[in-house]
Amino acid sequence: MMRSLEWDSDFFGIKTARIDAAQLSGEELSEQLENFQNSTFSLLYIFAPHNLSCHKKEILSAGGILTDEKVTFTMNVDSINPSLCPYIRSCKGSEMDRDLETLAIESGKYSRFKVDKRIPRNKFEELYRLWMKNSLNGTFAKEVYAYEDEGQKLGMITIDIRENEGWIGIIAVNETHRGRSIGKLLMHAAIRFCKENKVSILNVQTQLENKVSCAFYEKIGFSVKGVEDVYHVWGVKRDGVTK
């Protein structure tokens, strides 16, 4: 039911756990929340079906906060004829520069790790810098593209392939250069990468609150595959003090 997250625990410096609540009744979830509060864990992520009232009631009554309504978009790339752009180049294997770092942090502005104000801002930024670094070195991504003009990277996108499906990891465009179709051109580069690797399905996740991104994905041919709510619950000691 509740499982320890070793990587998150090490990164944030607090014992962190996760519950996937899709198969749990409200009563079972309540029992798990009680077990959490009696454990040595300090932070609990709960992944739950979107807007399921019995789960929402139990989690909110336990002090949980809704940090993300995570929407997954999907498309079949077979019928897409992606355009070419001379400004887009692979930067996989390169060192992370200031432009890529800034874009990576910008991509996370709706992230649950930024929404939850108990997580220090420097840890949120460090998390996205690490994500970018591990994408460039091939740990988190099969390819990384950047849109570069006059020596400045104005946008970037990372693509991974898992179980024969493509997944966009992070995508961002410099906010002062939006409106130039840079995001669309980056997405077309990802679509071309999938086609070249015989992958028909491309997925991307964002936050339901990020209405601009949701509209963008739908405009270029993605459809909603599903929505999942993610809550953070912080542990409280018996004297009422946060762990």
C-alpha atoms as a PDB file:
ATOM      1  CA  MET A   1       0.000   0.000   0.000  1.00  0.00           C
ATOM      2  CA  MET A   2       2.400   2.689   1.268  1.00  0.00           C
ATOM      3  CA  ARG A   3       5.900   2.398  -0.096  1.00  0.00           C
ATOM      4  CA  SER A   4       9.083   4.220   0.717  1.00  0.00           C
ATOM      5  CA  LEU A   5      10.665   6.477  -1.921  1.00  0.00           C
ATOM      6  CA  GLU A   6      14.382   6.243  -1.338  1.00  0.00           C
ATOM      7  CA  TRP A   7      15.443   8.719  -4.032  1.00  0.00           C
ATOM      8  CA  ASP A   8      13.009  11.421  -2.864  1.00  0.00           C
ATOM      9  CA  SER A   9      13.967  10.800   0.753  1.00  0.00           C
ATOM     10  CA  ASP A  10      17.648  11.306  -0.023  1.00  0.00           C
ATOM     11  CA  PHE A  11      17.064  14.324  -2.258  1.00  0.00           C
ATOM     12  CA  PHE A  12      14.749  16.258   0.074  1.00  0.00           C
ATOM     13  CA  GLY A  13      16.403  15.069   3.270  1.00  0.00           C
ATOM     14  CA  ILE A  14      13.122  13.806   4.749  1.00  0.00           C
ATOM     15  CA  LYS A  15      11.570  10.339   4.735  1.00  0.00           C
ATOM     16  CA  THR A  16       9.088  10.268   1.864  1.00  0.00           C
ATOM     17  CA  ALA A  17       6.496   7.691   0.841  1.00  0.00           C
ATOM     18  CA  ARG A  18       3.842   7.146  -1.820  1.00  0.00           C
ATOM     19  CA  ILE A  19       0.350   5.675  -1.985  1.00  0.00           C
ATOM     20  CA  ASP A  20      -1.439   4.786  -5.224  1.00  0.00           C
ATOM     21  CA  ALA A  21      -5.062   5.102  -4.193  1.00  0.00           C
ATOM     22  CA  ALA A  22      -6.848   3.982  -7.359  1.00  0.00           C
ATOM     23  CA  GLN A  23      -7.654   0.526  -5.955  1.00  0.00           C
ATOM     24  CA  LEU A  24      -8.387   1.681  -2.400  1.00  0.00           C
ATOM     25  CA  SER A  25     -11.768   2.367  -0.837  1.00  0.00           C
ATOM     26  CA  GLY A  26     -12.228   5.460   1.276  1.00  0.00           C
ATOM     27  CA  GLU A  27     -11.973   3.332   4.421  1.00  0.00           C
ATOM     28  CA  GLU A  28      -8.763   1.661   3.253  1.00  0.00           C
ATOM     29  CA  LEU A  29      -7.242   5.026   2.374  1.00  0.00           C
ATOM     30  CA  SER A  30      -8.163   6.374   5.810  1.00  0.00           C
ATOM     31  CA  GLU A  31      -6.368   3.429   7.396  1.00  0.00           C
ATOM     32  CA  GLN A  32      -3.279   4.094   5.282  1.00  0.00           C
ATOM     33  CA  LEU A  33      -3.303   7.772   6.267  1.00  0.00           C
ATOM     34  CA  GLU A  34      -3.438   6.795   9.931  1.00  0.00           C
ATOM     35  CA  ASN A  35      -0.527   4.405   9.395  1.00  0.00           C
ATOM     36  CA  PHE A  36       1.420   7.242   7.784  1.00  0.00           C
ATOM     37  CA  GLN A  37       0.856   9.582  10.719  1.00  0.00           C
ATOM     38  CA  ASN A  38       2.063   6.855  13.088  1.00  0.00           C
ATOM     39  CA  SER A  39       5.138   6.139  10.973  1.00  0.00           C
ATOM     40  CA  THR A  40       8.535   7.818  10.714  1.00  0.00           C
ATOM     41  CA  PHE A  41       7.704   9.268   7.295  1.00  0.00           C
ATOM     42  CA  SER A  42       7.448  13.041   6.994  1.00  0.00           C
ATOM     43  CA  LEU A  43       5.968  13.472   3.511  1.00  0.00           C
ATOM     44  CA  LEU A  44       3.448  11.352   1.649  1.00  0.00           C
ATOM     45  CA  TYR A  45       2.460  11.590  -2.016  1.00  0.00           C
ATOM     46  CA  ILE A  46      -0.998  10.266  -2.838  1.00  0.00           C
ATOM     47  CA  PHE A  47      -1.885   9.543  -6.466  1.00  0.00           C
ATOM     48  CA  ALA A  48      -5.661   9.292  -6.751  1.00  0.00           C
ATOM     49  CA  PRO A  49      -8.365   9.164  -9.430  1.00  0.00           C
ATOM     50  CA  HIS A  50      -9.434  12.640 -10.503  1.00  0.00           C
ATOM     51  CA  ASN A  51     -12.186  14.215  -8.381  1.00  0.00           C
ATOM     52  CA  LEU A  52     -13.134  11.010  -6.562  1.00  0.00           C
ATOM     53  CA  SER A  53     -15.080  12.443  -3.619  1.00  0.00           C
ATOM     54  CA  CYS A  54     -14.417   9.704  -1.055  1.00  0.00           C
ATOM     55  CA  HIS A  55     -10.656   9.975  -1.562  1.00  0.00           C
ATOM     56  CA  LYS A  56     -10.679  13.755  -1.615  1.00  0.00           C
ATOM     57  CA  LYS A  57     -12.613  13.937   1.657  1.00  0.00           C
ATOM     58  CA  GLU A  58     -10.276  11.545   3.473  1.00  0.00           C
ATOM     59  CA  ILE A  59      -7.117  13.256   2.214  1.00  0.00           C
ATOM     60  CA  LEU A  60      -8.230  16.814   2.931  1.00  0.00           C
ATOM     61  CA  SER A  61      -9.412  15.849   6.408  1.00  0.00           C
ATOM     62  CA  ALA A  62      -5.882  14.488   7.025  1.00  0.00           C
ATOM     63  CA  GLY A  63      -4.390  17.870   6.135  1.00  0.00           C
ATOM     64  CA  GLY A  64      -3.462  16.941   2.578  1.00  0.00           C
ATOM     65  CA  ILE A  65      -3.177  19.539  -0.158  1.00  0.00           C
ATOM     66  CA  LEU A  66      -3.983  19.060  -3.832  1.00  0.00           C
ATOM     67  CA  THR A  67      -0.685  19.881  -5.535  1.00  0.00           C
ATOM     68  CA  ASP A  68      -1.363  18.647  -9.063  1.00  0.00           C
ATOM     69  CA  GLU A  69      -4.202  17.652 -11.356  1.00  0.00           C
ATOM     70  CA  LYS A  70      -1.924  15.760 -13.723  1.00  0.00           C
ATOM     71  CA  VAL A  71      -3.320  15.421 -17.233  1.00  0.00           C
ATOM     72  CA  THR A  72      -1.807  13.015 -19.751  1.00  0.00           C
ATOM     73  CA  PHE A  73      -2.142  13.861 -23.437  1.00  0.00           C
ATOM     74  CA  THR A  74      -1.501  11.368 -26.219  1.00  0.00           C
ATOM     75  CA  MET A  75      -1.326  11.327 -30.028  1.00  0.00           C
ATOM     76  CA  ASN A  76      -0.670   8.909 -32.857  1.00  0.00           C
ATOM     77  CA  VAL A  77       2.188  10.410 -34.874  1.00  0.00           C
ATOM     78  CA  ASP A  78       1.765   8.195 -37.945  1.00  0.00           C
ATOM     79  CA  SER A  79      -0.515  10.665 -39.712  1.00  0.00           C
ATOM     80  CA  ILE A  80       1.566  13.742 -38.815  1.00  0.00           C
ATOM     81  CA  ASN A  81       3.996  15.224 -41.320  1.00  0.00           C
ATOM     82  CA  PRO A  82       6.347  17.209 -39.060  1.00  0.00           C
ATOM     83  CA  SER A  83       8.002  20.325 -40.404  1.00  0.00           C
ATOM     84  CA  LEU A  84      11.765  20.830 -40.452  1.00  0.00           C
ATOM     85  CA  CYS A  85      13.442  23.752 -38.741  1.00  0.00           C
ATOM     86  CA  PRO A  86      17.125  24.694 -39.226  1.00  0.00           C
ATOM     87  CA  TYR A  87      17.230  26.337 -35.795  1.00  0.00           C
ATOM     88  CA  ILE A  88      16.548  23.088 -33.947  1.00  0.00           C
ATOM     89  CA  ARG A  89      19.556  20.949 -33.081  1.00  0.00           C
ATOM     90  CA  SER A  90      20.287  17.995 -30.849  1.00  0.00           C
ATOM     91  CA  CYS A  91      22.160  18.872 -27.686  1.00  0.00           C
ATOM     92  CA  LYS A  92      22.180  15.406 -26.130  1.00  0.00           C
ATOM     93  CA  GLY A  93      25.577  14.695 -24.610  1.00  0.00           C
ATOM     94  CA  SER A  94      26.415  18.363 -24.156  1.00  0.00           C
ATOM     95  CA  GLU A  95      27.016  20.153 -20.865  1.00  0.00           C
ATOM     96  CA  MET A  96      24.149  22.074 -19.325  1.00  0.00           C
ATOM     97  CA  ASP A  97      24.509  25.807 -19.922  1.00  0.00           C
ATOM     98  CA  ARG A  98      22.705  28.761 -18.410  1.00  0.00           C
ATOM     99  CA  ASP A  99      20.043  28.826 -21.141  1.00  0.00           C
ATOM    100  CA  LEU A 100      19.089  25.182 -20.619  1.00  0.00           C
ATOM    101  CA  GLU A 101      19.096  25.591 -16.854  1.00  0.00           C
ATOM    102  CA  THR A 102      16.754  28.591 -17.075  1.00  0.00           C
ATOM    103  CA  LEU A 103      14.437  26.778 -19.470  1.00  0.00           C
ATOM    104  CA  ALA A 104      14.348  23.682 -17.253  1.00  0.00           C
ATOM    105  CA  ILE A 105      13.314  25.712 -14.206  1.00  0.00           C
ATOM    106  CA  GLU A 106      10.761  27.620 -16.291  1.00  0.00           C
ATOM    107  CA  SER A 107       9.216  24.317 -17.404  1.00  0.00           C
ATOM    108  CA  GLY A 108       8.361  23.527 -13.791  1.00  0.00           C
ATOM    109  CA  LYS A 109       6.439  26.670 -12.885  1.00  0.00           C
ATOM    110  CA  TYR A 110       3.248  24.638 -12.296  1.00  0.00           C
ATOM    111  CA  SER A 111       5.081  21.697 -10.717  1.00  0.00           C
ATOM    112  CA  ARG A 112       3.719  20.252  -7.488  1.00  0.00           C
ATOM    113  CA  PHE A 113       7.174  20.717  -6.011  1.00  0.00           C
ATOM    114  CA  LYS A 114       6.766  24.454  -6.535  1.00  0.00           C
ATOM    115  CA  VAL A 115       3.086  24.567  -5.586  1.00  0.00           C
ATOM    116  CA  ASP A 116       3.848  22.972  -2.198  1.00  0.00           C
ATOM    117  CA  LYS A 117       5.350  25.900  -0.311  1.00  0.00           C
ATOM    118  CA  ARG A 118       6.776  23.615   2.380  1.00  0.00           C
ATOM    119  CA  ILE A 119       9.337  22.442  -0.163  1.00  0.00           C
ATOM    120  CA  PRO A 120      12.142  25.020  -0.300  1.00  0.00           C
ATOM    121  CA  ARG A 121      12.412  26.934  -3.590  1.00  0.00           C
ATOM    122  CA  ASN A 122      16.075  25.976  -3.932  1.00  0.00           C
ATOM    123  CA  LYS A 123      15.170  22.255  -3.815  1.00  0.00           C
ATOM    124  CA  PHE A 124      12.540  22.698  -6.535  1.00  0.00           C
ATOM    125  CA  GLU A 125      15.095  24.437  -8.750  1.00  0.00           C
ATOM    126  CA  GLU A 126      17.756  21.849  -7.972  1.00  0.00           C
ATOM    127  CA  LEU A 127      15.305  19.106  -8.931  1.00  0.00           C
ATOM    128  CA  TYR A 128      14.732  20.598 -12.385  1.00  0.00           C
ATOM    129  CA  ARG A 129      18.424  21.289 -12.934  1.00  0.00           C
ATOM    130  CA  LEU A 130      19.089  17.627 -12.152  1.00  0.00           C
ATOM    131  CA  TRP A 131      16.289  16.559 -14.515  1.00  0.00           C
ATOM    132  CA  MET A 132      17.871  18.609 -17.293  1.00  0.00           C
ATOM    133  CA  LYS A 133      21.353  17.283 -16.573  1.00  0.00           C
ATOM    134  CA  ASN A 134      20.153  13.676 -16.557  1.00  0.00           C
ATOM    135  CA  SER A 135      18.281  14.242 -19.802  1.00  0.00           C
ATOM    136  CA  LEU A 136      21.410  15.576 -21.495  1.00  0.00           C
ATOM    137  CA  ASN A 137      23.503  12.618 -20.346  1.00  0.00           C
ATOM    138  CA  GLY A 138      20.917  10.094 -21.536  1.00  0.00           C
ATOM    139  CA  THR A 139      19.695   8.875 -18.144  1.00  0.00           C
ATOM    140  CA  PHE A 140      16.218  10.396 -18.433  1.00  0.00           C
ATOM    141  CA  ALA A 141      15.918  10.965 -22.188  1.00  0.00           C
ATOM    142  CA  LYS A 142      16.794   9.410 -25.499  1.00  0.00           C
ATOM    143  CA  GLU A 143      17.053  12.821 -27.180  1.00  0.00           C
ATOM    144  CA  VAL A 144      17.179  16.520 -26.289  1.00  0.00           C
ATOM    145  CA  TYR A 145      16.523  19.254 -28.834  1.00  0.00           C
ATOM    146  CA  ALA A 146      17.081  22.980 -28.480  1.00  0.00           C
ATOM    147  CA  TYR A 147      15.872  25.864 -30.629  1.00  0.00           C
ATOM    148  CA  GLU A 148      18.930  28.103 -30.963  1.00  0.00           C
ATOM    149  CA  ASP A 149      19.074  31.534 -32.601  1.00  0.00           C
ATOM    150  CA  GLU A 150      22.119  33.822 -32.602  1.00  0.00           C
ATOM    151  CA  GLY A 151      23.853  31.708 -29.981  1.00  0.00           C
ATOM    152  CA  GLN A 152      20.941  31.656 -27.525  1.00  0.00           C
ATOM    153  CA  LYS A 153      18.804  28.626 -26.761  1.00  0.00           C
ATOM    154  CA  LEU A 154      15.236  29.925 -26.832  1.00  0.00           C
ATOM    155  CA  GLY A 155      13.479  26.610 -26.255  1.00  0.00           C
ATOM    156  CA  MET A 156      14.137  22.957 -25.522  1.00  0.00           C
ATOM    157  CA  ILE A 157      12.393  19.595 -25.378  1.00  0.00           C
ATOM    158  CA  THR A 158      13.395  16.171 -24.026  1.00  0.00           C
ATOM    159  CA  ILE A 159      12.063  12.864 -25.386  1.00  0.00           C
ATOM    160  CA  ASP A 160      12.238   9.382 -23.899  1.00  0.00           C
ATOM    161  CA  ILE A 161      10.958   6.042 -25.204  1.00  0.00           C
ATOM    162  CA  ARG A 162       9.410   3.646 -22.712  1.00  0.00           C
ATOM    163  CA  GLU A 163       7.567   0.418 -23.590  1.00  0.00           C
ATOM    164  CA  ASN A 164       7.565   1.475 -27.254  1.00  0.00           C
ATOM    165  CA  GLU A 165       5.849   4.788 -26.566  1.00  0.00           C
ATOM    166  CA  GLY A 166       7.358   8.252 -26.722  1.00  0.00           C
ATOM    167  CA  TRP A 167       7.214  10.530 -23.698  1.00  0.00           C
ATOM    168  CA  ILE A 168       7.976  14.236 -23.565  1.00  0.00           C
ATOM    169  CA  GLY A 169       9.861  14.895 -20.322  1.00  0.00           C
ATOM    170  CA  ILE A 170      10.218  18.662 -20.184  1.00  0.00           C
ATOM    171  CA  ILE A 171       9.493  21.362 -22.737  1.00  0.00           C
ATOM    172  CA  ALA A 172       9.917  25.098 -22.358  1.00  0.00           C
ATOM    173  CA  VAL A 173      10.194  28.256 -24.436  1.00  0.00           C
ATOM    174  CA  ASN A 174      11.855  31.476 -23.324  1.00  0.00           C
ATOM    175  CA  GLU A 175       8.964  33.668 -22.201  1.00  0.00           C
ATOM    176  CA  THR A 176      10.233  36.716 -24.117  1.00  0.00           C
ATOM    177  CA  HIS A 177      10.219  34.770 -27.406  1.00  0.00           C
ATOM    178  CA  ARG A 178       6.791  33.160 -27.283  1.00  0.00           C
ATOM    179  CA  GLY A 179       4.448  33.611 -30.225  1.00  0.00           C
ATOM    180  CA  ARG A 180       7.093  32.476 -32.743  1.00  0.00           C
ATOM    181  CA  SER A 181       5.855  28.857 -33.009  1.00  0.00           C
ATOM    182  CA  ILE A 182       9.006  27.646 -31.225  1.00  0.00           C
ATOM    183  CA  GLY A 183       7.008  25.213 -29.083  1.00  0.00           C
ATOM    184  CA  LYS A 184       5.275  23.755 -32.137  1.00  0.00           C
ATOM    185  CA  LEU A 185       8.592  23.347 -33.971  1.00  0.00           C
ATOM    186  CA  LEU A 186      10.128  21.602 -30.962  1.00  0.00           C
ATOM    187  CA  MET A 187       7.144  19.268 -30.754  1.00  0.00           C
ATOM    188  CA  HIS A 188       7.479  18.504 -34.465  1.00  0.00           C
ATOM    189  CA  ALA A 189      11.114  17.562 -33.812  1.00  0.00           C
ATOM    190  CA  ALA A 190       9.907  15.147 -31.119  1.00  0.00           C
ATOM    191  CA  ILE A 191       7.316  13.704 -33.499  1.00  0.00           C
ATOM    192  CA  ARG A 192       9.991  13.190 -36.152  1.00  0.00           C
ATOM    193  CA  PHE A 193      12.217  11.459 -33.578  1.00  0.00           C
ATOM    194  CA  CYS A 194       9.371   9.063 -32.745  1.00  0.00           C
ATOM    195  CA  LYS A 195       8.708   8.288 -36.408  1.00  0.00           C
ATOM    196  CA  GLU A 196      12.410   7.682 -37.073  1.00  0.00           C
ATOM    197  CA  ASN A 197      12.436   5.227 -34.150  1.00  0.00           C
ATOM    198  CA  LYS A 198       9.267   3.397 -35.303  1.00  0.00           C
ATOM    199  CA  VAL A 199       7.238   4.708 -32.379  1.00  0.00           C
ATOM    200  CA  SER A 200       3.601   5.554 -33.130  1.00  0.00           C
ATOM    201  CA  ILE A 201       2.387   6.940 -29.794  1.00  0.00           C
ATOM    202  CA  LEU A 202       3.671  10.141 -28.196  1.00  0.00           C
ATOM    203  CA  ASN A 203       2.593  11.217 -24.708  1.00  0.00           C
ATOM    204  CA  VAL A 204       3.084  14.349 -22.656  1.00  0.00           C
ATOM    205  CA  GLN A 205       1.949  15.308 -19.167  1.00  0.00           C
ATOM    206  CA  THR A 206       1.145  18.710 -17.756  1.00  0.00           C
ATOM    207  CA  GLN A 207      -1.021  20.269 -15.086  1.00  0.00           C
ATOM    208  CA  LEU A 208      -4.732  20.923 -15.656  1.00  0.00           C
ATOM    209  CA  GLU A 209      -4.126  24.390 -14.191  1.00  0.00           C
ATOM    210  CA  ASN A 210      -1.654  25.085 -17.001  1.00  0.00           C
ATOM    211  CA  LYS A 211      -4.392  26.055 -19.426  1.00  0.00           C
ATOM    212  CA  VAL A 212      -1.995  27.524 -21.999  1.00  0.00           C
ATOM    213  CA  SER A 213      -0.108  24.231 -22.336  1.00  0.00           C
ATOM    214  CA  CYS A 214      -3.310  22.174 -22.400  1.00  0.00           C
ATOM    215  CA  ALA A 215      -4.703  24.321 -25.231  1.00  0.00           C
ATOM    216  CA  PHE A 216      -1.377  24.107 -27.083  1.00  0.00           C
ATOM    217  CA  TYR A 217      -1.270  20.313 -26.959  1.00  0.00           C
ATOM    218  CA  GLU A 218      -4.870  19.988 -28.125  1.00  0.00           C
ATOM    219  CA  LYS A 219      -4.261  22.462 -30.966  1.00  0.00           C
ATOM    220  CA  ILE A 220      -1.406  20.401 -32.409  1.00  0.00           C
ATOM    221  CA  GLY A 221      -3.329  17.144 -32.285  1.00  0.00           C
ATOM    222  CA  PHE A 222      -3.060  15.634 -28.803  1.00  0.00           C
ATOM    223  CA  SER A 223      -6.116  14.322 -26.947  1.00  0.00           C
ATOM    224  CA  VAL A 224      -6.631  13.752 -23.234  1.00  0.00           C
ATOM    225  CA  LYS A 225      -5.784  10.225 -22.128  1.00  0.00           C
ATOM    226  CA  GLY A 226      -6.510  10.705 -18.426  1.00  0.00           C
ATOM    227  CA  VAL A 227      -6.304  12.939 -15.366  1.00  0.00           C
ATOM    228  CA  GLU A 228      -4.878  12.010 -11.969  1.00  0.00           C
ATOM    229  CA  ASP A 229      -4.879  14.003  -8.748  1.00  0.00           C
ATOM    230  CA  VAL A 230      -1.682  14.212  -6.713  1.00  0.00           C
ATOM    231  CA  TYR A 231      -1.804  15.225  -3.051  1.00  0.00           C
ATOM    232  CA  HIS A 232       0.938  15.954  -0.544  1.00  0.00           C
ATOM    233  CA  VAL A 233       0.356  15.068   3.094  1.00  0.00           C
ATOM    234  CA  TRP A 234       2.860  16.145   5.721  1.00  0.00           C
ATOM    235  CA  GLY A 235       3.351  14.111   8.864  1.00  0.00           C
ATOM    236  CA  VAL A 236       2.402  15.519  12.263  1.00  0.00           C
ATOM    237  CA  LYS A 237       3.808  14.303  15.558  1.00  0.00           C
ATOM    238  CA  ARG A 238       1.460  13.540  18.390  1.00  0.00           C
ATOM    239  CA  ASP A 239       2.230  16.912  19.978  1.00  0.00           C
ATOM    240  CA  GLY A 240       0.988  18.632  16.807  1.00  0.00           C
ATOM    241  CA  VAL A 241       4.400  19.642  15.533  1.00  0.00           C
ATOM    242  CA  THR A 242       5.236  18.858  11.918  1.00  0.00           C
ATOM    243  CA  LYS A 243       7.805  16.076  11.613  1.00  0.00           C
END
